[in-house]
Amino acid sequence: MKILEGIAWLANKLLMILVIICSLVLFVYSLYVLYDVFYTEKNAFISYDLLQYRPKVTATEEDPEAAFQDLLRLNPDTVGWVEIYGTNICYPIVQGQDDLTGVL
C-alpha cells in the first residue's frame, strides 16, 4: 500500500512540474506574441520621406497625371498610388518590365 501511495505521490509531483513548465512556456510565448503585435503596429506606418511625393488629386482636376510628376521623376516605374483610409496603407505602386524586374 505504501508503494502505491509513493508512486501516486511521485506521479502527482511530476504532473505538477509538467503543468508548471507548460504554463511558463505558454506565458513566454504570449509575451512574444504581444511584443510582435505591438512592434508591427508601431512600425507599420509610411515613411514621411515617401509622403512628400503623395499626389494631391481632386475630383475637379483636369489632368490627374500632373500630380504624379515629382513621383515619376523620382521613379519612372510608378503607375499609381494606393491609399486605404483608416489604415496605415498609403504607398506608391510600381511596375517593372516583367515579373523578374525588381525596383530598388
C-alpha atoms as a PDB file:
ATOM      1  CA  MET A   1       0.000   0.000   0.000  1.00  0.00           C
ATOM      2  CA  LYS A   2       2.815   2.391   0.845  1.00  0.00           C
ATOM      3  CA  ILE A   3       4.440   1.636  -2.510  1.00  0.00           C
ATOM      4  CA  LEU A   4       1.265   2.634  -4.363  1.00  0.00           C
ATOM      5  CA  GLU A   5       0.991   5.834  -2.308  1.00  0.00           C
ATOM      6  CA  GLY A   6       4.617   6.652  -3.107  1.00  0.00           C
ATOM      7  CA  ILE A   7       4.070   6.083  -6.824  1.00  0.00           C
ATOM      8  CA  ALA A   8       0.915   8.229  -6.743  1.00  0.00           C
ATOM      9  CA  TRP A   9       2.754  10.998  -4.874  1.00  0.00           C
ATOM     10  CA  LEU A  10       5.628  10.890  -7.406  1.00  0.00           C
ATOM     11  CA  ALA A  11       3.215  10.907 -10.355  1.00  0.00           C
ATOM     12  CA  ASN A  12       1.379  13.867  -8.833  1.00  0.00           C
ATOM     13  CA  LYS A  13       4.642  15.824  -8.421  1.00  0.00           C
ATOM     14  CA  LEU A  14       5.736  15.048 -11.992  1.00  0.00           C
ATOM     15  CA  LEU A  15       2.361  16.108 -13.318  1.00  0.00           C
ATOM     16  CA  MET A  16       2.526  19.381 -11.389  1.00  0.00           C
ATOM     17  CA  ILE A  17       6.037  20.076 -12.719  1.00  0.00           C
ATOM     18  CA  LEU A  18       4.838  19.369 -16.257  1.00  0.00           C
ATOM     19  CA  VAL A  19       1.870  21.731 -15.823  1.00  0.00           C
ATOM     20  CA  ILE A  20       4.135  24.468 -14.456  1.00  0.00           C
ATOM     21  CA  ILE A  21       6.594  24.084 -17.339  1.00  0.00           C
ATOM     22  CA  CYS A  22       3.782  24.161 -19.932  1.00  0.00           C
ATOM     23  CA  SER A  23       2.297  27.239 -18.251  1.00  0.00           C
ATOM     24  CA  LEU A  24       5.631  29.038 -18.325  1.00  0.00           C
ATOM     25  CA  VAL A  25       6.191  28.166 -21.993  1.00  0.00           C
ATOM     26  CA  LEU A  26       2.718  29.469 -22.893  1.00  0.00           C
ATOM     27  CA  PHE A  27       3.287  32.620 -20.844  1.00  0.00           C
ATOM     28  CA  VAL A  28       6.592  33.364 -22.570  1.00  0.00           C
ATOM     29  CA  TYR A  29       5.042  32.675 -25.984  1.00  0.00           C
ATOM     30  CA  SER A  30       2.123  35.005 -25.243  1.00  0.00           C
ATOM     31  CA  LEU A  31       4.571  37.744 -24.239  1.00  0.00           C
ATOM     32  CA  TYR A  32       6.360  37.254 -27.556  1.00  0.00           C
ATOM     33  CA  VAL A  33       3.064  37.492 -29.483  1.00  0.00           C
ATOM     34  CA  LEU A  34       2.116  40.696 -27.669  1.00  0.00           C
ATOM     35  CA  TYR A  35       5.538  42.182 -28.387  1.00  0.00           C
ATOM     36  CA  ASP A  36       5.274  41.174 -32.052  1.00  0.00           C
ATOM     37  CA  VAL A  37       1.826  42.780 -32.426  1.00  0.00           C
ATOM     38  CA  PHE A  38       2.997  45.973 -30.716  1.00  0.00           C
ATOM     39  CA  TYR A  39       6.183  46.158 -32.785  1.00  0.00           C
ATOM     40  CA  THR A  40       4.313  45.551 -36.046  1.00  0.00           C
ATOM     41  CA  GLU A  41       1.691  48.185 -35.269  1.00  0.00           C
ATOM     42  CA  LYS A  42       4.342  50.676 -34.229  1.00  0.00           C
ATOM     43  CA  ASN A  43       6.419  50.230 -37.366  1.00  0.00           C
ATOM     44  CA  ALA A  44       3.590  49.816 -39.883  1.00  0.00           C
ATOM     45  CA  PHE A  45       3.488  53.421 -40.986  1.00  0.00           C
ATOM     46  CA  ILE A  46       4.563  55.063 -44.166  1.00  0.00           C
ATOM     47  CA  SER A  47       7.848  56.872 -44.291  1.00  0.00           C
ATOM     48  CA  TYR A  48       7.457  60.633 -44.107  1.00  0.00           C
ATOM     49  CA  ASP A  49      10.073  60.892 -46.859  1.00  0.00           C
ATOM     50  CA  LEU A  50       7.700  58.968 -49.115  1.00  0.00           C
ATOM     51  CA  LEU A  51       4.654  61.008 -48.104  1.00  0.00           C
ATOM     52  CA  GLN A  52       6.112  64.144 -49.635  1.00  0.00           C
ATOM     53  CA  TYR A  53       5.569  62.570 -53.069  1.00  0.00           C
ATOM     54  CA  ARG A  54       1.946  61.608 -52.427  1.00  0.00           C
ATOM     55  CA  PRO A  55      -0.146  63.176 -55.190  1.00  0.00           C
ATOM     56  CA  LYS A  56      -2.843  65.683 -54.308  1.00  0.00           C
ATOM     57  CA  VAL A  57      -5.593  64.722 -56.737  1.00  0.00           C
ATOM     58  CA  THR A  58      -9.014  66.298 -56.534  1.00  0.00           C
ATOM     59  CA  ALA A  59     -12.186  65.447 -58.409  1.00  0.00           C
ATOM     60  CA  THR A  60     -12.078  68.742 -60.303  1.00  0.00           C
ATOM     61  CA  GLU A  61      -8.533  68.323 -61.528  1.00  0.00           C
ATOM     62  CA  GLU A  62      -8.364  68.030 -65.326  1.00  0.00           C
ATOM     63  CA  ASP A  63      -5.074  66.122 -65.641  1.00  0.00           C
ATOM     64  CA  PRO A  64      -4.591  63.578 -62.822  1.00  0.00           C
ATOM     65  CA  GLU A  65      -1.132  62.640 -64.100  1.00  0.00           C
ATOM     66  CA  ALA A  66       0.118  66.151 -63.331  1.00  0.00           C
ATOM     67  CA  ALA A  67       0.016  65.203 -59.644  1.00  0.00           C
ATOM     68  CA  PHE A  68       2.471  62.360 -60.298  1.00  0.00           C
ATOM     69  CA  GLN A  69       5.197  64.390 -61.987  1.00  0.00           C
ATOM     70  CA  ASP A  70       7.520  64.575 -58.962  1.00  0.00           C
ATOM     71  CA  LEU A  71       6.997  60.895 -58.239  1.00  0.00           C
ATOM     72  CA  LEU A  72       7.555  59.942 -61.882  1.00  0.00           C
ATOM     73  CA  ARG A  73      10.808  61.927 -61.945  1.00  0.00           C
ATOM     74  CA  LEU A  74      11.982  60.036 -58.870  1.00  0.00           C
ATOM     75  CA  ASN A  75      10.920  56.607 -60.200  1.00  0.00           C
ATOM     76  CA  PRO A  76       9.591  56.253 -63.758  1.00  0.00           C
ATOM     77  CA  ASP A  77       8.169  52.788 -62.949  1.00  0.00           C
ATOM     78  CA  THR A  78       5.420  54.376 -60.828  1.00  0.00           C
ATOM     79  CA  VAL A  79       1.934  53.563 -62.116  1.00  0.00           C
ATOM     80  CA  GLY A  80      -0.269  54.727 -59.249  1.00  0.00           C
ATOM     81  CA  TRP A  81      -0.795  55.263 -55.555  1.00  0.00           C
ATOM     82  CA  VAL A  82      -2.883  53.135 -53.194  1.00  0.00           C
ATOM     83  CA  GLU A  83      -4.366  54.538 -50.008  1.00  0.00           C
ATOM     84  CA  ILE A  84      -6.889  52.898 -47.710  1.00  0.00           C
ATOM     85  CA  TYR A  85      -8.358  55.393 -45.297  1.00  0.00           C
ATOM     86  CA  GLY A  86      -8.433  54.415 -41.655  1.00  0.00           C
ATOM     87  CA  THR A  87      -5.319  52.238 -42.049  1.00  0.00           C
ATOM     88  CA  ASN A  88      -1.604  52.804 -42.487  1.00  0.00           C
ATOM     89  CA  ILE A  89      -1.717  51.711 -46.137  1.00  0.00           C
ATOM     90  CA  CYS A  90      -0.556  54.634 -48.271  1.00  0.00           C
ATOM     91  CA  TYR A  91       2.097  53.603 -50.796  1.00  0.00           C
ATOM     92  CA  PRO A  92       3.077  54.123 -54.423  1.00  0.00           C
ATOM     93  CA  ILE A  93       2.510  51.311 -56.899  1.00  0.00           C
ATOM     94  CA  VAL A  94       5.402  50.473 -59.232  1.00  0.00           C
ATOM     95  CA  GLN A  95       5.532  48.060 -62.130  1.00  0.00           C
ATOM     96  CA  GLY A  96       8.644  46.672 -63.815  1.00  0.00           C
ATOM     97  CA  GLN A  97       9.186  45.368 -67.327  1.00  0.00           C
ATOM     98  CA  ASP A  98       8.311  41.814 -66.242  1.00  0.00           C
ATOM     99  CA  ASP A  99       7.835  39.785 -63.080  1.00  0.00           C
ATOM    100  CA  LEU A 100      11.589  39.356 -62.606  1.00  0.00           C
ATOM    101  CA  THR A 101      12.466  43.045 -62.737  1.00  0.00           C
ATOM    102  CA  GLY A 102      12.837  44.426 -59.253  1.00  0.00           C
ATOM    103  CA  VAL A 103      12.622  48.020 -58.232  1.00  0.00           C
ATOM    104  CA  LEU A 104      15.159  49.048 -55.627  1.00  0.00           C
END
